[in-house]
Amino acid sequence: MTVDIKDLLTLRDAARLARVSTVTIWRWTKAGKLPVITVGGRPFVRRQDLARLRRSPRGRPSKRP
């Protein structure tokens, strides 16, 4: 899978965009609700994964691809 670096967000940037705390983003990643991509030992999330999670009810990932 090829990922464009422009599509990646740090956990801090993802939290700001989603208007939640960084701890919430971290919890979502640990719970498997938000996939993490590690680059150079640092965690990132894809914009589209965050958008999918935000569209789903109560923070549950939608079942749509």
C-alpha atoms as a PDB file:
ATOM      1  CA  MET A   1       0.000   0.000   0.000  1.00  0.00           C
ATOM      2  CA  THR A   2       1.384   3.381  -1.002  1.00  0.00           C
ATOM      3  CA  VAL A   3       0.550   6.327   1.227  1.00  0.00           C
ATOM      4  CA  ASP A   4       1.069   9.949   0.262  1.00  0.00           C
ATOM      5  CA  ILE A   5       2.791  11.859   3.070  1.00  0.00           C
ATOM      6  CA  LYS A   6       0.241  14.666   2.595  1.00  0.00           C
ATOM      7  CA  ASP A   7      -2.476  12.274   3.753  1.00  0.00           C
ATOM      8  CA  LEU A   8      -0.780  11.577   7.098  1.00  0.00           C
ATOM      9  CA  LEU A   9      -1.478  13.417  10.332  1.00  0.00           C
ATOM     10  CA  THR A  10       0.430  13.369  13.592  1.00  0.00           C
ATOM     11  CA  LEU A  11      -1.677  12.303  16.552  1.00  0.00           C
ATOM     12  CA  ARG A  12      -1.645  15.923  17.749  1.00  0.00           C
ATOM     13  CA  ASP A  13      -2.847  17.237  14.373  1.00  0.00           C
ATOM     14  CA  ALA A  14      -5.510  14.519  14.213  1.00  0.00           C
ATOM     15  CA  ALA A  15      -6.751  15.556  17.658  1.00  0.00           C
ATOM     16  CA  ARG A  16      -6.975  19.200  16.618  1.00  0.00           C
ATOM     17  CA  LEU A  17      -8.814  18.329  13.429  1.00  0.00           C
ATOM     18  CA  ALA A  18     -11.267  16.038  15.236  1.00  0.00           C
ATOM     19  CA  ARG A  19     -11.616  18.504  18.135  1.00  0.00           C
ATOM     20  CA  VAL A  20     -10.759  15.873  20.712  1.00  0.00           C
ATOM     21  CA  SER A  21      -7.787  15.416  23.023  1.00  0.00           C
ATOM     22  CA  THR A  22      -4.586  13.723  21.968  1.00  0.00           C
ATOM     23  CA  VAL A  23      -5.361  11.107  24.630  1.00  0.00           C
ATOM     24  CA  THR A  24      -8.645  10.305  22.847  1.00  0.00           C
ATOM     25  CA  ILE A  25      -6.806   9.801  19.548  1.00  0.00           C
ATOM     26  CA  TRP A  26      -4.310   7.556  21.346  1.00  0.00           C
ATOM     27  CA  ARG A  27      -7.165   5.536  22.887  1.00  0.00           C
ATOM     28  CA  TRP A  28      -8.841   5.135  19.489  1.00  0.00           C
ATOM     29  CA  THR A  29      -5.576   3.811  18.048  1.00  0.00           C
ATOM     30  CA  LYS A  30      -5.061   1.391  20.951  1.00  0.00           C
ATOM     31  CA  ALA A  31      -8.666   0.161  20.638  1.00  0.00           C
ATOM     32  CA  GLY A  32      -8.178  -0.476  16.910  1.00  0.00           C
ATOM     33  CA  LYS A  33     -10.764   2.136  15.901  1.00  0.00           C
ATOM     34  CA  LEU A  34      -8.127   4.268  14.164  1.00  0.00           C
ATOM     35  CA  PRO A  35      -5.282   2.545  12.282  1.00  0.00           C
ATOM     36  CA  VAL A  36      -1.752   3.842  12.846  1.00  0.00           C
ATOM     37  CA  ILE A  37       1.028   4.049  10.290  1.00  0.00           C
ATOM     38  CA  THR A  38       4.519   4.258  11.764  1.00  0.00           C
ATOM     39  CA  VAL A  39       7.098   6.258   9.812  1.00  0.00           C
ATOM     40  CA  GLY A  40      10.569   6.605  11.245  1.00  0.00           C
ATOM     41  CA  GLY A  41       9.309   5.334  14.582  1.00  0.00           C
ATOM     42  CA  ARG A  42       6.613   8.023  14.822  1.00  0.00           C
ATOM     43  CA  PRO A  43       2.870   7.265  14.718  1.00  0.00           C
ATOM     44  CA  PHE A  44       0.642   8.849  12.084  1.00  0.00           C
ATOM     45  CA  VAL A  45      -2.975   8.402  11.052  1.00  0.00           C
ATOM     46  CA  ARG A  46      -4.434   8.809   7.589  1.00  0.00           C
ATOM     47  CA  ARG A  47      -6.833  11.699   7.010  1.00  0.00           C
ATOM     48  CA  GLN A  48      -9.375   9.374   5.399  1.00  0.00           C
ATOM     49  CA  ASP A  49      -9.334   7.014   8.403  1.00  0.00           C
ATOM     50  CA  LEU A  50      -9.957   9.930  10.761  1.00  0.00           C
ATOM     51  CA  ALA A  51     -12.757  11.232   8.522  1.00  0.00           C
ATOM     52  CA  ARG A  52     -14.360   7.765   8.426  1.00  0.00           C
ATOM     53  CA  LEU A  53     -14.242   7.532  12.208  1.00  0.00           C
ATOM     54  CA  ARG A  54     -15.693  11.016  12.637  1.00  0.00           C
ATOM     55  CA  ARG A  55     -18.613  10.212  10.273  1.00  0.00           C
ATOM     56  CA  SER A  56     -19.589   7.107  12.184  1.00  0.00           C
ATOM     57  CA  PRO A  57     -21.999   7.281  15.140  1.00  0.00           C
ATOM     58  CA  ARG A  58     -20.427   7.594  18.594  1.00  0.00           C
ATOM     59  CA  GLY A  59     -16.873   7.210  17.367  1.00  0.00           C
ATOM     60  CA  ARG A  60     -17.418   3.723  16.041  1.00  0.00           C
ATOM     61  CA  PRO A  61     -15.760   2.987  12.721  1.00  0.00           C
ATOM     62  CA  SER A  62     -18.213   2.742   9.854  1.00  0.00           C
ATOM     63  CA  LYS A  63     -18.397  -0.537   7.978  1.00  0.00           C
ATOM     64  CA  ARG A  64     -18.131   1.175   4.616  1.00  0.00           C
ATOM     65  CA  PRO A  65     -14.820   0.821   2.738  1.00  0.00           C
END
